């Protein structure tokens, strides 16, 4: 959670470097994460955009109006929480410029370790900044909308990609500029006898699901589960075959699944921000076990050093390592 940058973002209002918005103002908040505290007197309605399902649900539970994509135009102000992905940050700022009214305020903040100073200089070269303030190991900066030329430049510098000539991706998605090496190893290691209903957990923009469709002839259903809304929307474009896949924007760690499967493939995340968090993968293993039919099989890839074997032993009747290279291992398990 971006606790420090969230505080940085609202600091200019607390320090009275920026005036609080009117109570009837419409404020767009791009990339918001749970846990932020509004300054005293910040009573304007927030329209929050957050496409990461766990954050989306937490913000909704806190009573905010949240959508996975921007809706509406003519906002009085936009707030942008910058993260680690340069392209995603620039696209969010472009979106803010396009969505606010003429002369509307756009305030951006991010952590110094995530490159916010470079982002500030980049934006200042495109449109003059009104000011900036460092605080809480980050920097906030702000400017006014003066046309959409800066937004057009930012979008031109961060176009959609076609990975390996056929997979559409966008900056900010996991492995948006190439096929992840772990997913490639997992796809190459899948057995030839997969059949029945299959699910792809943490499906991303759809490479692994596409490989399952290409390699598996006896498949009767394919469901993709992904927490990143934009990645799942890309997968809708990227995954197609004889079986019509189904797509679910889901937080697999907290949302129970109704369907049960003959096999599950997955390349689970193992980072929370910069820190390694193998508990995420262990939670995915437990979710996979619950979603498999008796005798169903799991095939997953992980970094070699991650200790998932204990979680597999606890959740499955048997498990084995079926492939390994210099960075990754492929594990199979049977329920």
C-alpha atoms as a PDB file:
ATOM      1  CA  UNK A   1       0.000   0.000   0.000  1.00  0.00           C
ATOM      2  CA  UNK A   2       1.325   3.438  -0.953  1.00  0.00           C
ATOM      3  CA  UNK A   3       0.840   4.947   2.525  1.00  0.00           C
ATOM      4  CA  UNK A   4       3.590   7.572   2.252  1.00  0.00           C
ATOM      5  CA  UNK A   5       2.728   8.836  -1.279  1.00  0.00           C
ATOM      6  CA  UNK A   6      -0.924   9.029  -0.244  1.00  0.00           C
ATOM      7  CA  UNK A   7       0.046  11.403   2.578  1.00  0.00           C
ATOM      8  CA  UNK A   8       2.300  13.329   0.185  1.00  0.00           C
ATOM      9  CA  UNK A   9      -0.569  13.824  -2.251  1.00  0.00           C
ATOM     10  CA  UNK A  10      -2.757  15.605   0.293  1.00  0.00           C
ATOM     11  CA  UNK A  11       0.052  17.504   2.022  1.00  0.00           C
ATOM     12  CA  UNK A  12      -0.195  20.634  -0.228  1.00  0.00           C
ATOM     13  CA  UNK A  13      -3.812  21.048   0.927  1.00  0.00           C
ATOM     14  CA  UNK A  14      -2.823  20.631   4.576  1.00  0.00           C
ATOM     15  CA  UNK A  15       0.067  23.093   4.146  1.00  0.00           C
ATOM     16  CA  UNK A  16      -2.308  25.557   2.424  1.00  0.00           C
ATOM     17  CA  UNK A  17      -0.144  25.598  -0.688  1.00  0.00           C
ATOM     18  CA  UNK A  18      -3.306  24.531  -2.497  1.00  0.00           C
ATOM     19  CA  UNK A  19      -6.827  25.700  -1.732  1.00  0.00           C
ATOM     20  CA  UNK A  20      -9.330  23.075  -0.679  1.00  0.00           C
ATOM     21  CA  UNK A  21     -11.900  22.279  -3.360  1.00  0.00           C
ATOM     22  CA  UNK A  22     -15.422  23.613  -3.032  1.00  0.00           C
ATOM     23  CA  UNK A  23     -17.874  21.285  -1.331  1.00  0.00           C
ATOM     24  CA  UNK A  24     -19.814  20.922  -4.596  1.00  0.00           C
ATOM     25  CA  UNK A  25     -16.664  20.275  -6.689  1.00  0.00           C
ATOM     26  CA  UNK A  26     -16.197  17.024  -8.586  1.00  0.00           C
ATOM     27  CA  UNK A  27     -12.761  15.545  -7.895  1.00  0.00           C
ATOM     28  CA  UNK A  28     -11.352  12.687  -9.962  1.00  0.00           C
ATOM     29  CA  UNK A  29      -8.866  10.435  -8.120  1.00  0.00           C
ATOM     30  CA  UNK A  30      -6.800   8.155 -10.360  1.00  0.00           C
ATOM     31  CA  UNK A  31      -4.884   5.245  -8.836  1.00  0.00           C
ATOM     32  CA  UNK A  32      -6.250   5.755  -5.339  1.00  0.00           C
ATOM     33  CA  UNK A  33      -5.302   3.116  -2.793  1.00  0.00           C
ATOM     34  CA  UNK A  34      -7.039   2.284   0.485  1.00  0.00           C
ATOM     35  CA  UNK A  35      -6.055   3.994   3.695  1.00  0.00           C
ATOM     36  CA  UNK A  36      -5.839   7.639   2.703  1.00  0.00           C
ATOM     37  CA  UNK A  37      -7.051  10.368   5.064  1.00  0.00           C
ATOM     38  CA  UNK A  38      -8.631  13.496   3.645  1.00  0.00           C
ATOM     39  CA  UNK A  39      -7.491  16.827   5.102  1.00  0.00           C
ATOM     40  CA  UNK A  40      -9.923  18.673   7.356  1.00  0.00           C
ATOM     41  CA  UNK A  41     -12.357  20.609   5.212  1.00  0.00           C
ATOM     42  CA  UNK A  42     -11.804  18.492   2.091  1.00  0.00           C
ATOM     43  CA  UNK A  43     -15.507  17.823   1.608  1.00  0.00           C
ATOM     44  CA  UNK A  44     -15.766  17.536  -2.177  1.00  0.00           C
ATOM     45  CA  UNK A  45     -17.089  14.310  -3.672  1.00  0.00           C
ATOM     46  CA  UNK A  46     -14.355  11.931  -4.841  1.00  0.00           C
ATOM     47  CA  UNK A  47     -14.815   9.865  -7.998  1.00  0.00           C
ATOM     48  CA  UNK A  48     -12.212   7.149  -7.566  1.00  0.00           C
ATOM     49  CA  UNK A  49     -10.732   5.040 -10.360  1.00  0.00           C
ATOM     50  CA  UNK A  50      -8.989   1.835  -9.287  1.00  0.00           C
ATOM     51  CA  UNK A  51      -8.658  -1.249 -11.472  1.00  0.00           C
ATOM     52  CA  UNK A  52      -6.866  -3.513  -8.985  1.00  0.00           C
ATOM     53  CA  UNK A  53      -9.628  -5.625  -7.509  1.00  0.00           C
ATOM     54  CA  UNK A  54      -8.421  -5.839  -3.860  1.00  0.00           C
ATOM     55  CA  UNK A  55      -8.004  -2.044  -3.684  1.00  0.00           C
ATOM     56  CA  UNK A  56     -11.308  -1.528  -5.506  1.00  0.00           C
ATOM     57  CA  UNK A  57     -13.192  -3.640  -2.966  1.00  0.00           C
ATOM     58  CA  UNK A  58     -11.482  -2.020   0.031  1.00  0.00           C
ATOM     59  CA  UNK A  59     -12.300   1.477  -1.228  1.00  0.00           C
ATOM     60  CA  UNK A  60     -15.901   0.480  -1.887  1.00  0.00           C
ATOM     61  CA  UNK A  61     -16.137  -0.951   1.618  1.00  0.00           C
ATOM     62  CA  UNK A  62     -14.989   2.434   2.937  1.00  0.00           C
ATOM     63  CA  UNK A  63     -17.969   4.076   1.270  1.00  0.00           C
ATOM     64  CA  UNK A  64     -16.330   5.664  -1.755  1.00  0.00           C
ATOM     65  CA  UNK A  65     -17.685   5.760  -5.295  1.00  0.00           C
ATOM     66  CA  UNK A  66     -15.230   3.596  -7.267  1.00  0.00           C
ATOM     67  CA  UNK A  67     -15.062   2.475 -10.901  1.00  0.00           C
ATOM     68  CA  UNK A  68     -12.361   0.396 -12.638  1.00  0.00           C
ATOM     69  CA  UNK A  69     -12.220   2.901 -15.512  1.00  0.00           C
ATOM     70  CA  UNK A  70     -12.774   6.644 -15.767  1.00  0.00           C
ATOM     71  CA  UNK A  71     -16.328   7.770 -16.343  1.00  0.00           C
ATOM     72  CA  UNK A  72     -17.503  11.287 -17.128  1.00  0.00           C
ATOM     73  CA  UNK A  73     -15.892  14.568 -18.130  1.00  0.00           C
ATOM     74  CA  UNK A  74     -15.492  18.122 -16.864  1.00  0.00           C
ATOM     75  CA  UNK A  75     -14.102  17.382 -13.403  1.00  0.00           C
ATOM     76  CA  UNK A  76     -13.075  20.413 -11.361  1.00  0.00           C
ATOM     77  CA  UNK A  77      -9.903  18.743 -10.103  1.00  0.00           C
ATOM     78  CA  UNK A  78      -7.921  15.544 -10.572  1.00  0.00           C
ATOM     79  CA  UNK A  79      -5.634  13.760  -8.139  1.00  0.00           C
ATOM     80  CA  UNK A  80      -3.119  11.226  -9.438  1.00  0.00           C
ATOM     81  CA  UNK A  81      -1.266   8.759  -7.228  1.00  0.00           C
ATOM     82  CA  UNK A  82       1.906   7.760  -9.075  1.00  0.00           C
ATOM     83  CA  UNK A  83       3.455   4.332  -8.660  1.00  0.00           C
ATOM     84  CA  UNK A  84       6.443   2.410  -9.956  1.00  0.00           C
ATOM     85  CA  UNK A  85       5.407   2.111 -13.613  1.00  0.00           C
ATOM     86  CA  UNK A  86       6.513   5.153 -15.620  1.00  0.00           C
ATOM     87  CA  UNK A  87       4.207   4.465 -18.548  1.00  0.00           C
ATOM     88  CA  UNK A  88       1.182   3.910 -16.348  1.00  0.00           C
ATOM     89  CA  UNK A  89       1.903   7.142 -14.454  1.00  0.00           C
ATOM     90  CA  UNK A  90       2.114   9.123 -17.676  1.00  0.00           C
ATOM     91  CA  UNK A  91      -1.097   7.584 -19.014  1.00  0.00           C
ATOM     92  CA  UNK A  92      -2.929   8.445 -15.797  1.00  0.00           C
ATOM     93  CA  UNK A  93      -1.768  12.048 -16.037  1.00  0.00           C
ATOM     94  CA  UNK A  94      -2.903  12.133 -19.668  1.00  0.00           C
ATOM     95  CA  UNK A  95      -6.298  10.836 -18.552  1.00  0.00           C
ATOM     96  CA  UNK A  96      -6.485  13.512 -15.855  1.00  0.00           C
ATOM     97  CA  UNK A  97      -5.712  16.257 -18.376  1.00  0.00           C
ATOM     98  CA  UNK A  98      -8.398  14.984 -20.725  1.00  0.00           C
ATOM     99  CA  UNK A  99     -11.057  14.657 -18.034  1.00  0.00           C
ATOM    100  CA  UNK A 100     -10.786  17.921 -16.086  1.00  0.00           C
ATOM    101  CA  UNK A 101     -12.423  21.153 -17.168  1.00  0.00           C
ATOM    102  CA  UNK A 102     -10.425  24.021 -18.678  1.00  0.00           C
ATOM    103  CA  UNK A 103      -7.965  25.427 -16.119  1.00  0.00           C
ATOM    104  CA  UNK A 104      -8.815  22.574 -13.754  1.00  0.00           C
ATOM    105  CA  UNK A 105      -6.182  21.655 -11.166  1.00  0.00           C
ATOM    106  CA  UNK A 106      -4.227  18.397 -11.519  1.00  0.00           C
ATOM    107  CA  UNK A 107      -2.190  17.300  -8.495  1.00  0.00           C
ATOM    108  CA  UNK A 108       0.231  14.360  -8.659  1.00  0.00           C
ATOM    109  CA  UNK A 109       2.313  12.667  -5.972  1.00  0.00           C
ATOM    110  CA  UNK A 110       4.627   9.707  -5.744  1.00  0.00           C
ATOM    111  CA  UNK A 111       7.568   8.267  -3.845  1.00  0.00           C
ATOM    112  CA  UNK A 112      11.124   9.375  -4.528  1.00  0.00           C
ATOM    113  CA  UNK A 113      12.198   5.732  -4.783  1.00  0.00           C
ATOM    114  CA  UNK A 114       9.600   5.266  -7.529  1.00  0.00           C
ATOM    115  CA  UNK A 115      10.995   8.032  -9.725  1.00  0.00           C
ATOM    116  CA  UNK A 116       8.592  10.882  -8.988  1.00  0.00           C
ATOM    117  CA  UNK A 117      11.298  13.506  -9.531  1.00  0.00           C
ATOM    118  CA  UNK A 118      11.817  12.282 -13.092  1.00  0.00           C
ATOM    119  CA  UNK A 119       8.062  12.302 -13.617  1.00  0.00           C
ATOM    120  CA  UNK A 120       7.836  15.877 -12.329  1.00  0.00           C
ATOM    121  CA  UNK A 121      10.549  17.045 -14.735  1.00  0.00           C
ATOM    122  CA  UNK A 122       8.887  15.206 -17.614  1.00  0.00           C
ATOM    123  CA  UNK A 123       5.530  16.892 -17.001  1.00  0.00           C
ATOM    124  CA  UNK A 124       7.139  20.301 -16.435  1.00  0.00           C
ATOM    125  CA  UNK A 125       8.732  20.016 -19.884  1.00  0.00           C
ATOM    126  CA  UNK A 126       5.264  19.543 -21.402  1.00  0.00           C
ATOM    127  CA  UNK A 127       3.190  22.006 -19.407  1.00  0.00           C
ATOM    128  CA  UNK A 128       4.343  24.550 -16.787  1.00  0.00           C
ATOM    129  CA  UNK A 129       3.967  23.425 -13.192  1.00  0.00           C
ATOM    130  CA  UNK A 130       2.475  25.805 -10.650  1.00  0.00           C
ATOM    131  CA  UNK A 131       4.421  24.306  -7.775  1.00  0.00           C
ATOM    132  CA  UNK A 132       5.732  21.268  -5.960  1.00  0.00           C
ATOM    133  CA  UNK A 133       6.357  20.186  -2.364  1.00  0.00           C
ATOM    134  CA  UNK A 134       8.485  17.349  -0.942  1.00  0.00           C
ATOM    135  CA  UNK A 135       7.121  15.474   2.067  1.00  0.00           C
ATOM    136  CA  UNK A 136       7.009  11.938   3.496  1.00  0.00           C
ATOM    137  CA  UNK A 137       9.827  10.652   1.242  1.00  0.00           C
ATOM    138  CA  UNK A 138       7.893  11.764  -1.817  1.00  0.00           C
ATOM    139  CA  UNK A 139       7.034  14.804  -3.921  1.00  0.00           C
ATOM    140  CA  UNK A 140       3.724  16.378  -4.839  1.00  0.00           C
ATOM    141  CA  UNK A 141       3.444  18.665  -7.865  1.00  0.00           C
ATOM    142  CA  UNK A 142       0.564  20.387  -9.567  1.00  0.00           C
ATOM    143  CA  UNK A 143      -0.471  22.271 -12.694  1.00  0.00           C
ATOM    144  CA  UNK A 144      -3.548  23.543 -14.532  1.00  0.00           C
ATOM    145  CA  UNK A 145      -5.115  22.101 -17.647  1.00  0.00           C
ATOM    146  CA  UNK A 146      -4.134  24.195 -20.646  1.00  0.00           C
ATOM    147  CA  UNK A 147      -5.419  22.266 -23.636  1.00  0.00           C
ATOM    148  CA  UNK A 148      -4.729  18.600 -24.351  1.00  0.00           C
ATOM    149  CA  UNK A 149      -1.408  18.783 -26.203  1.00  0.00           C
ATOM    150  CA  UNK A 150       0.496  17.432 -23.196  1.00  0.00           C
ATOM    151  CA  UNK A 151      -1.936  14.508 -22.921  1.00  0.00           C
ATOM    152  CA  UNK A 152      -1.478  13.685 -26.603  1.00  0.00           C
ATOM    153  CA  UNK A 153       2.301  13.680 -26.179  1.00  0.00           C
ATOM    154  CA  UNK A 154       2.104  11.400 -23.138  1.00  0.00           C
ATOM    155  CA  UNK A 155      -0.164   8.962 -24.956  1.00  0.00           C
ATOM    156  CA  UNK A 156       2.052   8.948 -28.028  1.00  0.00           C
ATOM    157  CA  UNK A 157       5.011   8.021 -25.844  1.00  0.00           C
ATOM    158  CA  UNK A 158       3.145   5.103 -24.252  1.00  0.00           C
ATOM    159  CA  UNK A 159       1.271   3.301 -27.018  1.00  0.00           C
ATOM    160  CA  UNK A 160      -0.401  -0.082 -26.761  1.00  0.00           C
ATOM    161  CA  UNK A 161       2.004  -2.876 -27.668  1.00  0.00           C
ATOM    162  CA  UNK A 162       1.662  -6.075 -29.634  1.00  0.00           C
ATOM    163  CA  UNK A 163       3.773  -8.683 -27.856  1.00  0.00           C
ATOM    164  CA  UNK A 164       5.069 -11.367 -30.212  1.00  0.00           C
ATOM    165  CA  UNK A 165       2.929  -9.876 -32.932  1.00  0.00           C
ATOM    166  CA  UNK A 166      -0.422 -10.808 -31.487  1.00  0.00           C
ATOM    167  CA  UNK A 167      -0.968  -9.996 -27.796  1.00  0.00           C
ATOM    168  CA  UNK A 168      -2.234  -6.494 -27.083  1.00  0.00           C
ATOM    169  CA  UNK A 169      -0.866  -4.988 -23.857  1.00  0.00           C
ATOM    170  CA  UNK A 170      -0.650  -1.593 -22.150  1.00  0.00           C
ATOM    171  CA  UNK A 171       2.053  -0.105 -19.875  1.00  0.00           C
ATOM    172  CA  UNK A 172       1.440  -0.955 -16.229  1.00  0.00           C
ATOM    173  CA  UNK A 173       0.343  -4.548 -16.775  1.00  0.00           C
ATOM    174  CA  UNK A 174       2.566  -7.333 -15.494  1.00  0.00           C
ATOM    175  CA  UNK A 175       5.214  -8.137 -18.118  1.00  0.00           C
ATOM    176  CA  UNK A 176       3.512  -5.795 -20.605  1.00  0.00           C
ATOM    177  CA  UNK A 177       6.468  -5.691 -23.021  1.00  0.00           C
ATOM    178  CA  UNK A 178       7.301  -9.395 -23.301  1.00  0.00           C
ATOM    179  CA  UNK A 179       6.067 -12.884 -22.476  1.00  0.00           C
ATOM    180  CA  UNK A 180       7.076 -13.620 -18.889  1.00  0.00           C
ATOM    181  CA  UNK A 181       9.781 -16.300 -18.811  1.00  0.00           C
ATOM    182  CA  UNK A 182       8.038 -18.166 -15.996  1.00  0.00           C
ATOM    183  CA  UNK A 183       4.768 -18.347 -17.909  1.00  0.00           C
ATOM    184  CA  UNK A 184       6.614 -19.581 -20.980  1.00  0.00           C
ATOM    185  CA  UNK A 185       8.279 -22.374 -18.966  1.00  0.00           C
ATOM    186  CA  UNK A 186       4.941 -23.368 -17.437  1.00  0.00           C
ATOM    187  CA  UNK A 187       3.230 -23.507 -20.841  1.00  0.00           C
ATOM    188  CA  UNK A 188       6.032 -25.690 -22.240  1.00  0.00           C
ATOM    189  CA  UNK A 189       5.757 -28.023 -19.233  1.00  0.00           C
ATOM    190  CA  UNK A 190       2.015 -28.686 -19.346  1.00  0.00           C
ATOM    191  CA  UNK A 191       1.085 -32.337 -19.962  1.00  0.00           C
ATOM    192  CA  UNK A 192      -0.649 -33.360 -23.155  1.00  0.00           C
ATOM    193  CA  UNK A 193      -3.584 -35.020 -21.407  1.00  0.00           C
ATOM    194  CA  UNK A 194      -5.320 -31.963 -19.932  1.00  0.00           C
ATOM    195  CA  UNK A 195      -9.063 -32.149 -20.446  1.00  0.00           C
ATOM    196  CA  UNK A 196     -12.362 -30.857 -19.162  1.00  0.00           C
ATOM    197  CA  UNK A 197     -12.862 -27.518 -17.473  1.00  0.00           C
ATOM    198  CA  UNK A 198      -9.670 -25.517 -16.965  1.00  0.00           C
ATOM    199  CA  UNK A 199      -9.061 -22.233 -15.159  1.00  0.00           C
ATOM    200  CA  UNK A 200      -6.173 -19.797 -15.448  1.00  0.00           C
ATOM    201  CA  UNK A 201      -5.582 -18.073 -12.115  1.00  0.00           C
ATOM    202  CA  UNK A 202      -3.772 -14.698 -12.301  1.00  0.00           C
ATOM    203  CA  UNK A 203      -4.335 -14.780 -16.049  1.00  0.00           C
ATOM    204  CA  UNK A 204      -2.815 -11.376 -16.832  1.00  0.00           C
ATOM    205  CA  UNK A 205      -3.221 -10.342 -20.464  1.00  0.00           C
ATOM    206  CA  UNK A 206      -3.821 -13.921 -21.557  1.00  0.00           C
ATOM    207  CA  UNK A 207      -0.617 -15.588 -22.737  1.00  0.00           C
ATOM    208  CA  UNK A 208      -0.950 -18.740 -20.633  1.00  0.00           C
ATOM    209  CA  UNK A 209      -4.649 -19.178 -21.406  1.00  0.00           C
ATOM    210  CA  UNK A 210      -3.886 -18.831 -25.105  1.00  0.00           C
ATOM    211  CA  UNK A 211      -1.254 -21.544 -24.813  1.00  0.00           C
ATOM    212  CA  UNK A 212      -3.701 -23.816 -22.997  1.00  0.00           C
ATOM    213  CA  UNK A 213      -6.186 -23.400 -25.838  1.00  0.00           C
ATOM    214  CA  UNK A 214      -3.491 -24.026 -28.429  1.00  0.00           C
ATOM    215  CA  UNK A 215      -2.030 -27.111 -26.738  1.00  0.00           C
ATOM    216  CA  UNK A 216      -5.146 -28.774 -25.282  1.00  0.00           C
ATOM    217  CA  UNK A 217      -7.642 -30.531 -27.536  1.00  0.00           C
ATOM    218  CA  UNK A 218      -9.999 -32.062 -24.969  1.00  0.00           C
ATOM    219  CA  UNK A 219     -10.846 -28.826 -23.179  1.00  0.00           C
ATOM    220  CA  UNK A 220     -14.547 -28.146 -22.578  1.00  0.00           C
ATOM    221  CA  UNK A 221     -14.335 -24.806 -20.740  1.00  0.00           C
ATOM    222  CA  UNK A 222     -11.701 -22.163 -20.048  1.00  0.00           C
ATOM    223  CA  UNK A 223     -12.121 -19.489 -17.373  1.00  0.00           C
ATOM    224  CA  UNK A 224      -9.669 -16.644 -16.767  1.00  0.00           C
ATOM    225  CA  UNK A 225      -9.401 -14.993 -13.341  1.00  0.00           C
ATOM    226  CA  UNK A 226      -7.459 -11.768 -12.933  1.00  0.00           C
ATOM    227  CA  UNK A 227      -7.365  -8.920 -10.382  1.00  0.00           C
ATOM    228  CA  UNK A 228      -6.053  -6.262 -12.811  1.00  0.00           C
ATOM    229  CA  UNK A 229      -9.061  -4.927 -14.718  1.00  0.00           C
ATOM    230  CA  UNK A 230      -7.092  -3.576 -17.670  1.00  0.00           C
ATOM    231  CA  UNK A 231      -5.105  -6.795 -18.057  1.00  0.00           C
ATOM    232  CA  UNK A 232      -8.342  -8.784 -18.103  1.00  0.00           C
ATOM    233  CA  UNK A 233      -9.783  -6.458 -20.734  1.00  0.00           C
ATOM    234  CA  UNK A 234      -6.668  -7.075 -22.830  1.00  0.00           C
ATOM    235  CA  UNK A 235      -7.109 -10.827 -22.346  1.00  0.00           C
ATOM    236  CA  UNK A 236     -10.608 -10.540 -23.825  1.00  0.00           C
ATOM    237  CA  UNK A 237      -8.943  -9.392 -27.039  1.00  0.00           C
ATOM    238  CA  UNK A 238      -6.016 -11.798 -26.868  1.00  0.00           C
ATOM    239  CA  UNK A 239      -7.599 -15.146 -25.975  1.00  0.00           C
ATOM    240  CA  UNK A 240      -9.765 -16.899 -28.521  1.00  0.00           C
ATOM    241  CA  UNK A 241     -10.168 -20.367 -29.970  1.00  0.00           C
ATOM    242  CA  UNK A 242     -12.601 -23.218 -30.461  1.00  0.00           C
ATOM    243  CA  UNK A 243     -13.809 -22.774 -26.867  1.00  0.00           C
ATOM    244  CA  UNK A 244     -15.280 -19.389 -25.937  1.00  0.00           C
ATOM    245  CA  UNK A 245     -13.425 -18.390 -22.744  1.00  0.00           C
ATOM    246  CA  UNK A 246     -15.049 -16.675 -19.782  1.00  0.00           C
ATOM    247  CA  UNK A 247     -13.457 -13.791 -17.898  1.00  0.00           C
ATOM    248  CA  UNK A 248     -13.725 -12.932 -14.203  1.00  0.00           C
ATOM    249  CA  UNK A 249     -12.396  -9.792 -12.515  1.00  0.00           C
ATOM    250  CA  UNK A 250     -11.753 -11.378  -9.142  1.00  0.00           C
ATOM    251  CA  UNK A 251      -9.609 -11.180  -6.023  1.00  0.00           C
ATOM    252  CA  UNK A 252      -8.858 -14.867  -5.642  1.00  0.00           C
ATOM    253  CA  UNK A 253      -7.595 -14.434  -2.087  1.00  0.00           C
ATOM    254  CA  UNK A 254     -10.896 -13.069  -0.748  1.00  0.00           C
ATOM    255  CA  UNK A 255     -13.678 -13.917  -3.191  1.00  0.00           C
ATOM    256  CA  UNK A 256     -15.015 -17.464  -3.244  1.00  0.00           C
ATOM    257  CA  UNK A 257     -15.531 -19.181  -6.596  1.00  0.00           C
ATOM    258  CA  UNK A 258     -18.695 -21.033  -7.539  1.00  0.00           C
ATOM    259  CA  UNK A 259     -17.212 -23.173 -10.306  1.00  0.00           C
ATOM    260  CA  UNK A 260     -15.040 -26.283  -9.923  1.00  0.00           C
ATOM    261  CA  UNK A 261     -12.367 -27.358 -12.389  1.00  0.00           C
ATOM    262  CA  UNK A 262     -10.500 -30.394 -13.651  1.00  0.00           C
ATOM    263  CA  UNK A 263      -7.246 -28.421 -13.850  1.00  0.00           C
ATOM    264  CA  UNK A 264      -5.884 -25.019 -12.916  1.00  0.00           C
ATOM    265  CA  UNK A 265      -2.797 -23.302 -14.301  1.00  0.00           C
ATOM    266  CA  UNK A 266      -1.288 -20.268 -12.631  1.00  0.00           C
ATOM    267  CA  UNK A 267       1.662 -17.932 -12.384  1.00  0.00           C
ATOM    268  CA  UNK A 268       0.845 -16.184  -9.096  1.00  0.00           C
ATOM    269  CA  UNK A 269       2.367 -12.856  -8.026  1.00  0.00           C
ATOM    270  CA  UNK A 270       4.844 -12.968  -5.178  1.00  0.00           C
ATOM    271  CA  UNK A 271       5.457  -9.280  -4.545  1.00  0.00           C
ATOM    272  CA  UNK A 272       3.497  -6.684  -2.577  1.00  0.00           C
ATOM    273  CA  UNK A 273       5.075  -3.464  -3.805  1.00  0.00           C
ATOM    274  CA  UNK A 274       8.847  -3.935  -3.666  1.00  0.00           C
ATOM    275  CA  UNK A 275       8.815  -6.589  -0.957  1.00  0.00           C
ATOM    276  CA  UNK A 276       8.691 -10.312  -1.679  1.00  0.00           C
ATOM    277  CA  UNK A 277       5.524 -11.765  -0.184  1.00  0.00           C
ATOM    278  CA  UNK A 278       5.316 -15.536  -0.691  1.00  0.00           C
ATOM    279  CA  UNK A 279       2.118 -15.560   1.362  1.00  0.00           C
ATOM    280  CA  UNK A 280       0.286 -14.364  -1.745  1.00  0.00           C
ATOM    281  CA  UNK A 281       1.287 -17.476  -3.671  1.00  0.00           C
ATOM    282  CA  UNK A 282       0.442 -19.707  -0.696  1.00  0.00           C
ATOM    283  CA  UNK A 283      -3.018 -18.126  -0.599  1.00  0.00           C
ATOM    284  CA  UNK A 284      -3.436 -18.803  -4.310  1.00  0.00           C
ATOM    285  CA  UNK A 285      -2.509 -22.451  -3.731  1.00  0.00           C
ATOM    286  CA  UNK A 286      -5.247 -22.754  -1.116  1.00  0.00           C
ATOM    287  CA  UNK A 287      -7.740 -21.040  -3.442  1.00  0.00           C
ATOM    288  CA  UNK A 288      -6.805 -23.426  -6.248  1.00  0.00           C
ATOM    289  CA  UNK A 289      -7.312 -26.456  -4.022  1.00  0.00           C
ATOM    290  CA  UNK A 290     -10.827 -25.281  -3.140  1.00  0.00           C
ATOM    291  CA  UNK A 291     -11.663 -24.654  -6.797  1.00  0.00           C
ATOM    292  CA  UNK A 292     -10.559 -28.083  -8.058  1.00  0.00           C
ATOM    293  CA  UNK A 293     -12.703 -31.166  -8.302  1.00  0.00           C
ATOM    294  CA  UNK A 294     -11.544 -34.286  -6.420  1.00  0.00           C
ATOM    295  CA  UNK A 295      -8.572 -35.591  -8.344  1.00  0.00           C
ATOM    296  CA  UNK A 296      -8.142 -32.244 -10.108  1.00  0.00           C
ATOM    297  CA  UNK A 297      -4.636 -31.009 -10.921  1.00  0.00           C
ATOM    298  CA  UNK A 298      -2.781 -27.757 -10.361  1.00  0.00           C
ATOM    299  CA  UNK A 299       0.164 -26.611 -12.482  1.00  0.00           C
ATOM    300  CA  UNK A 300       2.016 -23.534 -11.292  1.00  0.00           C
ATOM    301  CA  UNK A 301       5.307 -21.734 -11.830  1.00  0.00           C
ATOM    302  CA  UNK A 302       7.319 -19.929  -9.179  1.00  0.00           C
ATOM    303  CA  UNK A 303      10.745 -18.479  -8.575  1.00  0.00           C
ATOM    304  CA  UNK A 304      13.059 -21.287  -7.546  1.00  0.00           C
ATOM    305  CA  UNK A 305      13.711 -19.938  -4.053  1.00  0.00           C
ATOM    306  CA  UNK A 306      10.058 -19.561  -3.028  1.00  0.00           C
ATOM    307  CA  UNK A 307       9.024 -22.244  -0.479  1.00  0.00           C
ATOM    308  CA  UNK A 308       5.634 -23.267  -1.837  1.00  0.00           C
ATOM    309  CA  UNK A 309       6.080 -26.988  -1.252  1.00  0.00           C
ATOM    310  CA  UNK A 310       4.789 -26.734   2.324  1.00  0.00           C
ATOM    311  CA  UNK A 311       1.608 -24.996   1.164  1.00  0.00           C
ATOM    312  CA  UNK A 312       1.134 -27.656  -1.528  1.00  0.00           C
ATOM    313  CA  UNK A 313       1.577 -30.458   1.024  1.00  0.00           C
ATOM    314  CA  UNK A 314      -1.091 -28.900   3.243  1.00  0.00           C
ATOM    315  CA  UNK A 315      -3.646 -28.332   0.484  1.00  0.00           C
ATOM    316  CA  UNK A 316      -3.133 -31.290  -1.892  1.00  0.00           C
ATOM    317  CA  UNK A 317      -2.876 -35.071  -1.710  1.00  0.00           C
ATOM    318  CA  UNK A 318       0.410 -35.065  -3.659  1.00  0.00           C
ATOM    319  CA  UNK A 319       2.746 -32.702  -5.455  1.00  0.00           C
ATOM    320  CA  UNK A 320       5.961 -32.787  -7.466  1.00  0.00           C
ATOM    321  CA  UNK A 321       8.394 -30.567  -9.303  1.00  0.00           C
ATOM    322  CA  UNK A 322       8.123 -31.216 -13.029  1.00  0.00           C
ATOM    323  CA  UNK A 323      10.512 -28.668 -14.555  1.00  0.00           C
ATOM    324  CA  UNK A 324      13.208 -26.180 -13.601  1.00  0.00           C
ATOM    325  CA  UNK A 325      15.520 -23.675 -15.227  1.00  0.00           C
ATOM    326  CA  UNK A 326      17.950 -21.065 -13.923  1.00  0.00           C
ATOM    327  CA  UNK A 327      15.197 -18.903 -12.399  1.00  0.00           C
ATOM    328  CA  UNK A 328      11.935 -20.837 -12.156  1.00  0.00           C
ATOM    329  CA  UNK A 329      10.417 -24.153 -11.154  1.00  0.00           C
ATOM    330  CA  UNK A 330       7.163 -25.712 -12.325  1.00  0.00           C
ATOM    331  CA  UNK A 331       5.160 -27.552  -9.671  1.00  0.00           C
ATOM    332  CA  UNK A 332       2.221 -29.888 -10.110  1.00  0.00           C
ATOM    333  CA  UNK A 333      -0.229 -31.084  -7.489  1.00  0.00           C
ATOM    334  CA  UNK A 334      -3.246 -33.339  -7.356  1.00  0.00           C
ATOM    335  CA  UNK A 335      -6.212 -32.763  -5.074  1.00  0.00           C
END
